Each structure stands twice: as C-alpha cells, then as structure tokens.
Full PDB file with SEQRES, HELIX, SHEET, SSBOND, CRYST1, ORIGX, SCALE, CONECT and MASTER records, all heavy atoms in Angstrom:
SEQRES   1 A   32  LEU PHE PHE LEU GLN LEU SER VAL ILE GLY SER THR MET          
SEQRES   2 A   32  GLY THR ARG ASP GLU LEU ALA ASP LEU MET SER PHE CYS          
SEQRES   3 A   32  ALA THR ALA GLY ILE ARG                                      
HELIX    1 AA1 ARG A   16  ALA A   29  1                                  14    
CRYST1    1.000    1.000    1.000  90.00  90.00  90.00 P 1           1          
ORIGX1      1.000000  0.000000  0.000000        0.00000                         
ORIGX2      0.000000  1.000000  0.000000        0.00000                         
ORIGX3      0.000000  0.000000  1.000000        0.00000                         
SCALE1      1.000000  0.000000  0.000000        0.00000                         
SCALE2      0.000000  1.000000  0.000000        0.00000                         
SCALE3      0.000000  0.000000  1.000000        0.00000                         
ATOM      1  N   LEU A   1       9.487 -27.763  25.366  1.00  0.00           N  
ATOM      2  CA  LEU A   1       9.625 -27.162  24.050  1.00  0.00           C  
ATOM      3  C   LEU A   1      10.341 -28.090  23.083  1.00  0.00           C  
ATOM      4  O   LEU A   1       9.863 -28.351  21.970  1.00  0.00           O  
ATOM      5  CB  LEU A   1      10.378 -25.826  24.166  1.00  0.00           C  
ATOM      6  CG  LEU A   1      10.549 -25.037  22.872  1.00  0.00           C  
ATOM      7  CD1 LEU A   1       9.234 -24.418  22.444  1.00  0.00           C  
ATOM      8  CD2 LEU A   1      11.611 -23.949  23.043  1.00  0.00           C  
ATOM      9  N   PHE A   2      11.510 -28.620  23.496  1.00  0.00           N  
ATOM     10  CA  PHE A   2      12.254 -29.443  22.534  1.00  0.00           C  
ATOM     11  C   PHE A   2      11.740 -30.874  22.474  1.00  0.00           C  
ATOM     12  O   PHE A   2      11.734 -31.497  21.418  1.00  0.00           O  
ATOM     13  CB  PHE A   2      13.765 -29.391  22.805  1.00  0.00           C  
ATOM     14  CG  PHE A   2      14.258 -30.050  24.065  1.00  0.00           C  
ATOM     15  CD1 PHE A   2      14.310 -31.430  24.196  1.00  0.00           C  
ATOM     16  CD2 PHE A   2      14.735 -29.280  25.118  1.00  0.00           C  
ATOM     17  CE1 PHE A   2      14.797 -32.047  25.333  1.00  0.00           C  
ATOM     18  CE2 PHE A   2      15.225 -29.879  26.267  1.00  0.00           C  
ATOM     19  CZ  PHE A   2      15.250 -31.266  26.383  1.00  0.00           C  
ATOM     20  N   PHE A   3      11.264 -31.416  23.614  1.00  0.00           N  
ATOM     21  CA  PHE A   3      10.835 -32.805  23.602  1.00  0.00           C  
ATOM     22  C   PHE A   3       9.575 -32.995  22.765  1.00  0.00           C  
ATOM     23  O   PHE A   3       9.444 -33.988  22.039  1.00  0.00           O  
ATOM     24  CB  PHE A   3      10.597 -33.301  25.035  1.00  0.00           C  
ATOM     25  CG  PHE A   3      10.328 -34.776  25.119  1.00  0.00           C  
ATOM     26  CD1 PHE A   3      11.350 -35.697  24.936  1.00  0.00           C  
ATOM     27  CD2 PHE A   3       9.052 -35.251  25.354  1.00  0.00           C  
ATOM     28  CE1 PHE A   3      11.101 -37.060  25.002  1.00  0.00           C  
ATOM     29  CE2 PHE A   3       8.793 -36.607  25.420  1.00  0.00           C  
ATOM     30  CZ  PHE A   3       9.826 -37.515  25.239  1.00  0.00           C  
ATOM     31  N   LEU A   4       8.652 -32.033  22.838  1.00  0.00           N  
ATOM     32  CA  LEU A   4       7.412 -32.107  22.063  1.00  0.00           C  
ATOM     33  C   LEU A   4       7.516 -31.375  20.729  1.00  0.00           C  
ATOM     34  O   LEU A   4       6.541 -31.299  19.984  1.00  0.00           O  
ATOM     35  CB  LEU A   4       6.245 -31.537  22.873  1.00  0.00           C  
ATOM     36  CG  LEU A   4       5.883 -32.298  24.146  1.00  0.00           C  
ATOM     37  CD1 LEU A   4       4.700 -31.643  24.841  1.00  0.00           C  
ATOM     38  CD2 LEU A   4       5.583 -33.766  23.859  1.00  0.00           C  
ATOM     39  N   GLN A   5       8.705 -30.833  20.433  1.00  0.00           N  
ATOM     40  CA  GLN A   5       8.969 -30.146  19.172  1.00  0.00           C  
ATOM     41  C   GLN A   5       7.938 -29.041  18.908  1.00  0.00           C  
ATOM     42  O   GLN A   5       7.345 -28.939  17.831  1.00  0.00           O  
ATOM     43  CB  GLN A   5       9.010 -31.141  18.007  1.00  0.00           C  
ATOM     44  CG  GLN A   5      10.072 -32.221  18.177  1.00  0.00           C  
ATOM     45  CD  GLN A   5      10.164 -33.147  16.994  1.00  0.00           C  
ATOM     46  OE1 GLN A   5      10.662 -32.774  15.940  1.00  0.00           O  
ATOM     47  NE2 GLN A   5       9.659 -34.362  17.171  1.00  0.00           N  
ATOM     48  N   LEU A   6       7.751 -28.222  19.932  1.00  0.00           N  
ATOM     49  CA  LEU A   6       6.820 -27.105  19.826  1.00  0.00           C  
ATOM     50  C   LEU A   6       7.488 -25.932  19.108  1.00  0.00           C  
ATOM     51  O   LEU A   6       8.704 -25.815  19.078  1.00  0.00           O  
ATOM     52  CB  LEU A   6       6.366 -26.666  21.218  1.00  0.00           C  
ATOM     53  CG  LEU A   6       5.802 -27.771  22.117  1.00  0.00           C  
ATOM     54  CD1 LEU A   6       5.414 -27.204  23.473  1.00  0.00           C  
ATOM     55  CD2 LEU A   6       4.606 -28.459  21.461  1.00  0.00           C  
ATOM     56  N   SER A   7       6.683 -25.065  18.550  1.00  0.00           N  
ATOM     57  CA  SER A   7       7.181 -23.858  17.889  1.00  0.00           C  
ATOM     58  C   SER A   7       6.638 -22.633  18.613  1.00  0.00           C  
ATOM     59  O   SER A   7       5.454 -22.587  18.966  1.00  0.00           O  
ATOM     60  CB  SER A   7       6.746 -23.808  16.419  1.00  0.00           C  
ATOM     61  OG  SER A   7       7.283 -24.883  15.688  1.00  0.00           O  
ATOM     62  N   VAL A   8       7.499 -21.658  18.813  1.00  0.00           N  
ATOM     63  CA  VAL A   8       7.090 -20.369  19.374  1.00  0.00           C  
ATOM     64  C   VAL A   8       7.428 -19.303  18.333  1.00  0.00           C  
ATOM     65  O   VAL A   8       8.587 -19.164  17.934  1.00  0.00           O  
ATOM     66  CB  VAL A   8       7.802 -20.071  20.700  1.00  0.00           C  
ATOM     67  CG1 VAL A   8       7.415 -18.678  21.209  1.00  0.00           C  
ATOM     68  CG2 VAL A   8       7.469 -21.127  21.746  1.00  0.00           C  
ATOM     69  N   ILE A   9       6.423 -18.581  17.882  1.00  0.00           N  
ATOM     70  CA  ILE A   9       6.592 -17.628  16.785  1.00  0.00           C  
ATOM     71  C   ILE A   9       6.152 -16.243  17.250  1.00  0.00           C  
ATOM     72  O   ILE A   9       5.058 -16.079  17.791  1.00  0.00           O  
ATOM     73  CB  ILE A   9       5.768 -18.054  15.560  1.00  0.00           C  
ATOM     74  CG1 ILE A   9       6.274 -19.404  15.034  1.00  0.00           C  
ATOM     75  CG2 ILE A   9       5.832 -16.995  14.457  1.00  0.00           C  
ATOM     76  CD1 ILE A   9       5.452 -19.962  13.890  1.00  0.00           C  
ATOM     77  N   GLY A  10       7.010 -15.268  17.042  1.00  0.00           N  
ATOM     78  CA  GLY A  10       6.655 -13.888  17.338  1.00  0.00           C  
ATOM     79  C   GLY A  10       5.942 -13.256  16.158  1.00  0.00           C  
ATOM     80  O   GLY A  10       6.186 -13.577  14.999  1.00  0.00           O  
ATOM     81  N   SER A  11       5.043 -12.321  16.464  1.00  0.00           N  
ATOM     82  CA  SER A  11       4.291 -11.637  15.413  1.00  0.00           C  
ATOM     83  C   SER A  11       4.046 -10.201  15.851  1.00  0.00           C  
ATOM     84  O   SER A  11       3.646  -9.951  16.996  1.00  0.00           O  
ATOM     85  CB  SER A  11       2.960 -12.353  15.169  1.00  0.00           C  
ATOM     86  OG  SER A  11       2.262 -11.792  14.082  1.00  0.00           O  
ATOM     87  N   THR A  12       4.295  -9.267  14.948  1.00  0.00           N  
ATOM     88  CA  THR A  12       4.126  -7.850  15.259  1.00  0.00           C  
ATOM     89  C   THR A  12       3.350  -7.162  14.141  1.00  0.00           C  
ATOM     90  O   THR A  12       3.773  -7.191  12.986  1.00  0.00           O  
ATOM     91  CB  THR A  12       5.493  -7.149  15.427  1.00  0.00           C  
ATOM     92  OG1 THR A  12       6.164  -7.705  16.549  1.00  0.00           O  
ATOM     93  CG2 THR A  12       5.316  -5.655  15.642  1.00  0.00           C  
ATOM     94  N   MET A  13       2.195  -6.597  14.513  1.00  0.00           N  
ATOM     95  CA  MET A  13       1.406  -5.801  13.585  1.00  0.00           C  
ATOM     96  C   MET A  13       1.163  -6.544  12.266  1.00  0.00           C  
ATOM     97  O   MET A  13       0.874  -7.731  12.273  1.00  0.00           O  
ATOM     98  CB  MET A  13       2.085  -4.450  13.345  1.00  0.00           C  
ATOM     99  CG  MET A  13       2.088  -3.555  14.577  1.00  0.00           C  
ATOM    100  SD  MET A  13       0.441  -3.049  15.103  1.00  0.00           S  
ATOM    101  CE  MET A  13      -0.026  -1.951  13.773  1.00  0.00           C  
ATOM    102  N   GLY A  14       1.304  -5.853  11.133  1.00  0.00           N  
ATOM    103  CA  GLY A  14       1.082  -6.459   9.832  1.00  0.00           C  
ATOM    104  C   GLY A  14       1.423  -5.459   8.750  1.00  0.00           C  
ATOM    105  O   GLY A  14       1.734  -4.290   9.017  1.00  0.00           O  
ATOM    106  N   THR A  15       1.343  -5.897   7.511  1.00  0.00           N  
ATOM    107  CA  THR A  15       1.722  -5.050   6.386  1.00  0.00           C  
ATOM    108  C   THR A  15       0.503  -4.310   5.832  1.00  0.00           C  
ATOM    109  O   THR A  15      -0.656  -4.630   6.140  1.00  0.00           O  
ATOM    110  CB  THR A  15       2.335  -5.888   5.263  1.00  0.00           C  
ATOM    111  OG1 THR A  15       1.308  -6.714   4.690  1.00  0.00           O  
ATOM    112  CG2 THR A  15       3.471  -6.767   5.766  1.00  0.00           C  
ATOM    113  N   ARG A  16       0.782  -3.359   4.959  1.00  0.00           N  
ATOM    114  CA  ARG A  16      -0.290  -2.629   4.302  1.00  0.00           C  
ATOM    115  C   ARG A  16      -1.159  -3.577   3.475  1.00  0.00           C  
ATOM    116  O   ARG A  16      -2.391  -3.478   3.485  1.00  0.00           O  
ATOM    117  CB  ARG A  16       0.307  -1.546   3.399  1.00  0.00           C  
ATOM    118  CG  ARG A  16      -0.720  -0.640   2.723  1.00  0.00           C  
ATOM    119  CD  ARG A  16      -0.043   0.292   1.738  1.00  0.00           C  
ATOM    120  NE  ARG A  16      -0.976   1.310   1.236  1.00  0.00           N  
ATOM    121  CZ  ARG A  16      -1.866   1.103   0.282  1.00  0.00           C  
ATOM    122  NH1 ARG A  16      -1.959  -0.102  -0.293  1.00  0.00           N  
ATOM    123  NH2 ARG A  16      -2.668   2.082  -0.107  1.00  0.00           N  
ATOM    124  N   ASP A  17      -0.515  -4.510   2.756  1.00  0.00           N  
ATOM    125  CA  ASP A  17      -1.274  -5.465   1.947  1.00  0.00           C  
ATOM    126  C   ASP A  17      -2.137  -6.369   2.817  1.00  0.00           C  
ATOM    127  O   ASP A  17      -3.265  -6.716   2.445  1.00  0.00           O  
ATOM    128  CB  ASP A  17      -0.331  -6.306   1.093  1.00  0.00           C  
ATOM    129  CG  ASP A  17       0.302  -5.518  -0.042  1.00  0.00           C  
ATOM    130  OD1 ASP A  17      -0.205  -4.413  -0.352  1.00  0.00           O  
ATOM    131  OD2 ASP A  17       1.302  -6.000  -0.615  1.00  0.00           O  
ATOM    132  N   GLU A  18      -1.615  -6.756   3.987  1.00  0.00           N  
ATOM    133  CA  GLU A  18      -2.394  -7.594   4.890  1.00  0.00           C  
ATOM    134  C   GLU A  18      -3.595  -6.829   5.438  1.00  0.00           C  
ATOM    135  O   GLU A  18      -4.675  -7.414   5.633  1.00  0.00           O  
ATOM    136  CB  GLU A  18      -1.507  -8.114   6.022  1.00  0.00           C  
ATOM    137  CG  GLU A  18      -0.511  -9.179   5.559  1.00  0.00           C  
ATOM    138  CD  GLU A  18       0.634  -9.415   6.510  1.00  0.00           C  
ATOM    139  OE1 GLU A  18       0.635  -8.844   7.624  1.00  0.00           O  
ATOM    140  OE2 GLU A  18       1.563 -10.147   6.134  1.00  0.00           O  
ATOM    141  N   LEU A  19      -3.437  -5.536   5.676  1.00  0.00           N  
ATOM    142  CA  LEU A  19      -4.570  -4.726   6.118  1.00  0.00           C  
ATOM    143  C   LEU A  19      -5.651  -4.682   5.043  1.00  0.00           C  
ATOM    144  O   LEU A  19      -6.843  -4.809   5.342  1.00  0.00           O  
ATOM    145  CB  LEU A  19      -4.096  -3.319   6.474  1.00  0.00           C  
ATOM    146  CG  LEU A  19      -5.171  -2.317   6.913  1.00  0.00           C  
ATOM    147  CD1 LEU A  19      -5.983  -2.835   8.092  1.00  0.00           C  
ATOM    148  CD2 LEU A  19      -4.534  -0.965   7.247  1.00  0.00           C  
ATOM    149  N   ALA A  20      -5.240  -4.542   3.796  1.00  0.00           N  
ATOM    150  CA  ALA A  20      -6.216  -4.555   2.703  1.00  0.00           C  
ATOM    151  C   ALA A  20      -6.920  -5.908   2.625  1.00  0.00           C  
ATOM    152  O   ALA A  20      -8.151  -5.978   2.454  1.00  0.00           O  
ATOM    153  CB  ALA A  20      -5.518  -4.236   1.383  1.00  0.00           C  
ATOM    154  N   ASP A  21      -6.152  -6.990   2.763  1.00  0.00           N  
ATOM    155  CA  ASP A  21      -6.746  -8.330   2.720  1.00  0.00           C  
ATOM    156  C   ASP A  21      -7.686  -8.554   3.903  1.00  0.00           C  
ATOM    157  O   ASP A  21      -8.738  -9.193   3.751  1.00  0.00           O  
ATOM    158  CB  ASP A  21      -5.647  -9.393   2.727  1.00  0.00           C  
ATOM    159  CG  ASP A  21      -4.841  -9.417   1.439  1.00  0.00           C  
ATOM    160  OD1 ASP A  21      -5.314  -8.861   0.426  1.00  0.00           O  
ATOM    161  OD2 ASP A  21      -3.719  -9.982   1.451  1.00  0.00           O  
ATOM    162  N   LEU A  22      -7.300  -8.065   5.070  1.00  0.00           N  
ATOM    163  CA  LEU A  22      -8.157  -8.187   6.253  1.00  0.00           C  
ATOM    164  C   LEU A  22      -9.513  -7.549   6.002  1.00  0.00           C  
ATOM    165  O   LEU A  22     -10.565  -8.152   6.291  1.00  0.00           O  
ATOM    166  CB  LEU A  22      -7.469  -7.521   7.450  1.00  0.00           C  
ATOM    167  CG  LEU A  22      -8.354  -7.163   8.648  1.00  0.00           C  
ATOM    168  CD1 LEU A  22      -8.943  -8.412   9.277  1.00  0.00           C  
ATOM    169  CD2 LEU A  22      -7.561  -6.354   9.682  1.00  0.00           C  
ATOM    170  N   MET A  23      -9.516  -6.338   5.471  1.00  0.00           N  
ATOM    171  CA  MET A  23     -10.789  -5.659   5.257  1.00  0.00           C  
ATOM    172  C   MET A  23     -11.626  -6.372   4.192  1.00  0.00           C  
ATOM    173  O   MET A  23     -12.860  -6.446   4.314  1.00  0.00           O  
ATOM    174  CB  MET A  23     -10.534  -4.198   4.901  1.00  0.00           C  
ATOM    175  CG  MET A  23      -9.990  -3.403   6.089  1.00  0.00           C  
ATOM    176  SD  MET A  23      -9.934  -1.612   5.849  1.00  0.00           S  
ATOM    177  CE  MET A  23      -8.615  -1.446   4.641  1.00  0.00           C  
ATOM    178  N   SER A  24     -10.972  -6.937   3.186  1.00  0.00           N  
ATOM    179  CA  SER A  24     -11.698  -7.727   2.188  1.00  0.00           C  
ATOM    180  C   SER A  24     -12.297  -8.980   2.815  1.00  0.00           C  
ATOM    181  O   SER A  24     -13.436  -9.364   2.523  1.00  0.00           O  
ATOM    182  CB  SER A  24     -10.764  -8.107   1.041  1.00  0.00           C  
ATOM    183  OG  SER A  24     -10.359  -6.979   0.301  1.00  0.00           O  
ATOM    184  N   PHE A  25     -11.531  -9.629   3.696  1.00  0.00           N  
ATOM    185  CA  PHE A  25     -12.018 -10.841   4.356  1.00  0.00           C  
ATOM    186  C   PHE A  25     -13.224 -10.521   5.231  1.00  0.00           C  
ATOM    187  O   PHE A  25     -14.216 -11.268   5.242  1.00  0.00           O  
ATOM    188  CB  PHE A  25     -10.911 -11.477   5.187  1.00  0.00           C  
ATOM    189  CG  PHE A  25     -11.343 -12.737   5.891  1.00  0.00           C  
ATOM    190  CD1 PHE A  25     -11.539 -13.908   5.187  1.00  0.00           C  
ATOM    191  CD2 PHE A  25     -11.552 -12.752   7.262  1.00  0.00           C  
ATOM    192  CE1 PHE A  25     -11.942 -15.074   5.827  1.00  0.00           C  
ATOM    193  CE2 PHE A  25     -11.957 -13.898   7.913  1.00  0.00           C  
ATOM    194  CZ  PHE A  25     -12.147 -15.066   7.198  1.00  0.00           C  
ATOM    195  N   CYS A  26     -13.162  -9.410   5.968  1.00  0.00           N  
ATOM    196  CA  CYS A  26     -14.286  -9.037   6.821  1.00  0.00           C  
ATOM    197  C   CYS A  26     -15.555  -8.821   5.987  1.00  0.00           C  
ATOM    198  O   CYS A  26     -16.648  -9.233   6.381  1.00  0.00           O  
ATOM    199  CB  CYS A  26     -13.953  -7.776   7.610  1.00  0.00           C  
ATOM    200  SG  CYS A  26     -12.761  -8.030   8.942  1.00  0.00           S  
ATOM    201  N   ALA A  27     -15.389  -8.193   4.823  1.00  0.00           N  
ATOM    202  CA  ALA A  27     -16.547  -7.964   3.949  1.00  0.00           C  
ATOM    203  C   ALA A  27     -17.092  -9.285   3.418  1.00  0.00           C  
ATOM    204  O   ALA A  27     -18.312  -9.514   3.397  1.00  0.00           O  
ATOM    205  CB  ALA A  27     -16.153  -7.044   2.804  1.00  0.00           C  
ATOM    206  N   THR A  28     -16.194 -10.166   2.992  1.00  0.00           N  
ATOM    207  CA  THR A  28     -16.613 -11.449   2.433  1.00  0.00           C  
ATOM    208  C   THR A  28     -17.280 -12.338   3.475  1.00  0.00           C  
ATOM    209  O   THR A  28     -18.295 -12.994   3.209  1.00  0.00           O  
ATOM    210  CB  THR A  28     -15.403 -12.184   1.833  1.00  0.00           C  
ATOM    211  OG1 THR A  28     -14.805 -11.368   0.830  1.00  0.00           O  
ATOM    212  CG2 THR A  28     -15.811 -13.520   1.238  1.00  0.00           C  
ATOM    213  N   ALA A  29     -16.700 -12.358   4.691  1.00  0.00           N  
ATOM    214  CA  ALA A  29     -17.206 -13.225   5.750  1.00  0.00           C  
ATOM    215  C   ALA A  29     -18.356 -12.591   6.527  1.00  0.00           C  
ATOM    216  O   ALA A  29     -19.017 -13.275   7.323  1.00  0.00           O  
ATOM    217  CB  ALA A  29     -16.066 -13.570   6.711  1.00  0.00           C  
ATOM    218  N   GLY A  30     -18.577 -11.297   6.330  1.00  0.00           N  
ATOM    219  CA  GLY A  30     -19.657 -10.627   7.025  1.00  0.00           C  
ATOM    220  C   GLY A  30     -19.402 -10.423   8.507  1.00  0.00           C  
ATOM    221  O   GLY A  30     -20.340 -10.457   9.320  1.00  0.00           O  
ATOM    222  N   ILE A  31     -18.136 -10.221   8.893  1.00  0.00           N  
ATOM    223  CA  ILE A  31     -17.819 -10.013  10.306  1.00  0.00           C  
ATOM    224  C   ILE A  31     -17.387  -8.566  10.532  1.00  0.00           C  
ATOM    225  O   ILE A  31     -16.896  -7.898   9.622  1.00  0.00           O  
ATOM    226  CB  ILE A  31     -16.718 -10.983  10.802  1.00  0.00           C  
ATOM    227  CG1 ILE A  31     -15.443 -10.870   9.955  1.00  0.00           C  
ATOM    228  CG2 ILE A  31     -17.243 -12.409  10.792  1.00  0.00           C  
ATOM    229  CD1 ILE A  31     -14.300 -11.733  10.467  1.00  0.00           C  
ATOM    230  N   ARG A  32     -17.588  -8.104  11.751  1.00  0.00           N  
ATOM    231  CA  ARG A  32     -17.281  -6.731  12.122  1.00  0.00           C  
ATOM    232  C   ARG A  32     -16.579  -6.725  13.482  1.00  0.00           C  
ATOM    233  O   ARG A  32     -16.842  -7.591  14.319  1.00  0.00           O  
ATOM    234  CB  ARG A  32     -18.563  -5.899  12.235  1.00  0.00           C  
ATOM    235  CG  ARG A  32     -19.344  -5.780  10.952  1.00  0.00           C  
ATOM    236  CD  ARG A  32     -18.624  -4.904   9.939  1.00  0.00           C  
ATOM    237  NE  ARG A  32     -19.379  -4.745   8.709  1.00  0.00           N  
ATOM    238  CZ  ARG A  32     -19.322  -5.582   7.682  1.00  0.00           C  
ATOM    239  NH1 ARG A  32     -18.555  -6.655   7.749  1.00  0.00           N  
ATOM    240  NH2 ARG A  32     -20.036  -5.362   6.598  1.00  0.00           N  
TER     241      ARG A  32                                                      
MASTER        0    0    0    1    0    0    0    6  240    1    0    3          
END                                                                             
C-alpha cells in the first residue's frame, strides 16, 4: 500500500442528485 502509493477509498450508496444524474446518464447512453 505505501510503497506503491495505492489509494483505498470507501463508498456508500449515493445522493439524491447522483441518483437523478444516474438515470439521465442511462437514458443518454442507452443502457439498462
């Protein structure tokens, strides 16, 4: 971890705005 200067990042769920952006991205990219 320290010798290669790696990063470990925790992530939990998301925000209301991110949910709105996600659904817009799915529509734009055509993914389901």
